Amino acid sequence: MTQQAAKALIHINTPLRWEADCGGMFNLLYGLEILSLIPPAITDGDTDKEGSGLEQQRAVRVVERAAIRCRLKRQEKGYPFRRARWVLRKEFQKELSYEVE
């Protein structure tokens, strides 16, 4: 990510609305595509995340976090239209991939 892209992301997400790992929402709402390396370049070896305090905190608030994200989506201008367009595009792409095979 360039410094200019990082500044644009900060501008879009201020005040803080979306978690850093909600990359799909950044793409859907703002057209920002966030890429990552799979497998990660840096790892701590804790693949099942049993030793992660952050994962334990997240597990307790899963339902609450989902409700907050749902409420935020409804507040975003044009979200229903963008979501419907995204779903239709995915379905159309599936049909095209079946025809090519």
Protein backbone atom coordinates (compact mmCIF):
# COMPACT_ATOMS: atom_id res chain seq x y z
CA MET A 1 0.00 0.00 0.00
CA THR A 2 1.34 3.40 -0.87
CA GLN A 3 1.27 6.34 1.50
CA GLN A 4 -1.36 8.02 -0.70
CA ALA A 5 -3.60 4.91 -0.52
CA ALA A 6 -3.17 4.72 3.26
CA LYS A 7 -4.20 8.36 3.63
CA ALA A 8 -7.27 7.75 1.44
CA LEU A 9 -8.24 4.75 3.59
CA ILE A 10 -7.88 6.82 6.78
CA HIS A 11 -10.01 9.58 5.25
CA ILE A 12 -12.75 7.11 4.26
CA ASN A 13 -12.80 5.31 7.62
CA THR A 14 -12.70 8.36 9.91
CA PRO A 15 -14.46 8.30 12.30
CA LEU A 16 -13.66 4.62 12.67
CA ARG A 17 -16.56 2.48 11.38
CA TRP A 18 -15.08 -0.66 9.87
CA GLU A 19 -12.59 -3.08 11.38
CA ALA A 20 -9.31 -3.47 9.55
CA ASP A 21 -10.21 -7.04 8.52
CA CYS A 22 -13.50 -5.98 6.84
CA GLY A 23 -11.77 -5.76 3.48
CA GLY A 24 -14.89 -6.90 1.66
CA MET A 25 -16.79 -3.86 2.90
CA PHE A 26 -14.04 -1.50 1.75
CA ASN A 27 -14.27 -3.09 -1.70
CA LEU A 28 -18.07 -3.10 -1.85
CA LEU A 29 -18.63 0.42 -0.56
CA TYR A 30 -15.58 2.34 -1.72
CA GLY A 31 -14.05 0.28 -4.52
CA LEU A 32 -10.85 -0.36 -2.55
CA GLU A 33 -9.39 -3.79 -3.11
CA ILE A 34 -7.31 -4.95 -0.16
CA LEU A 35 -4.96 -7.79 -0.98
CA SER A 36 -3.06 -10.09 1.34
CA LEU A 37 -0.54 -12.89 1.13
CA ILE A 38 -1.72 -16.46 1.56
CA PRO A 39 0.02 -18.03 3.40
CA PRO A 40 0.97 -15.02 5.55
CA ALA A 41 4.55 -13.79 5.28
CA ILE A 42 4.78 -13.51 9.09
CA THR A 43 3.32 -16.11 11.42
CA ASP A 44 3.58 -16.95 15.11
CA GLY A 45 2.93 -20.66 14.59
CA ASP A 46 -0.37 -20.59 16.51
CA THR A 47 -2.53 -21.86 13.64
CA ASP A 48 -5.56 -22.76 15.77
CA LYS A 49 -5.29 -19.43 17.67
CA GLU A 50 -5.70 -21.08 21.07
CA GLY A 51 -3.14 -18.76 22.63
CA SER A 52 -4.69 -15.60 21.17
CA GLY A 53 -6.31 -13.30 23.69
CA LEU A 54 -7.76 -11.27 20.83
CA GLU A 55 -9.56 -14.30 19.39
CA GLN A 56 -11.00 -15.11 22.84
CA GLN A 57 -12.35 -11.54 23.16
CA ARG A 58 -13.82 -11.69 19.66
CA ALA A 59 -15.57 -15.01 20.34
CA VAL A 60 -17.49 -13.49 23.24
CA ARG A 61 -18.76 -10.56 21.13
CA VAL A 62 -19.48 -12.29 17.80
CA VAL A 63 -23.23 -11.58 17.84
CA GLU A 64 -22.77 -8.01 19.04
CA ARG A 65 -20.15 -7.26 16.35
CA ALA A 66 -22.42 -8.68 13.62
CA ALA A 67 -25.30 -6.45 14.78
CA ILE A 68 -23.06 -3.39 14.76
CA ARG A 69 -21.82 -4.15 11.22
CA CYS A 70 -25.41 -4.67 10.05
CA ARG A 71 -26.46 -1.30 11.47
CA LEU A 72 -23.45 0.42 9.88
CA LYS A 73 -24.25 -1.10 6.48
CA ARG A 74 -27.78 0.34 6.61
CA GLN A 75 -26.34 3.79 7.35
CA GLU A 76 -24.06 3.73 4.30
CA LYS A 77 -25.45 5.68 1.36
CA GLY A 78 -26.25 3.39 -1.55
CA TYR A 79 -25.43 0.15 0.28
CA PRO A 80 -28.58 -1.80 -0.76
CA PHE A 81 -27.98 -0.96 -4.43
CA ARG A 82 -24.27 -1.84 -4.28
CA ARG A 83 -24.99 -5.10 -2.46
CA ALA A 84 -27.66 -6.13 -4.97
CA ARG A 85 -25.35 -5.29 -7.87
CA TRP A 86 -22.54 -7.32 -6.29
CA VAL A 87 -24.79 -10.36 -5.75
CA LEU A 88 -26.14 -10.21 -9.31
CA ARG A 89 -22.65 -9.83 -10.74
CA LYS A 90 -21.45 -12.88 -8.81
CA GLU A 91 -24.39 -14.94 -10.08
CA PHE A 92 -23.76 -13.80 -13.65
CA GLN A 93 -20.07 -14.70 -13.35
CA LYS A 94 -21.01 -18.19 -12.13
CA GLU A 95 -23.22 -18.69 -15.19
CA LEU A 96 -20.43 -17.56 -17.48
CA SER A 97 -17.92 -19.91 -15.86
CA TYR A 98 -20.30 -22.85 -16.33
CA GLU A 99 -20.70 -22.05 -20.03
CA VAL A 100 -16.93 -21.87 -20.61
CA GLU A 101 -16.27 -25.33 -19.18
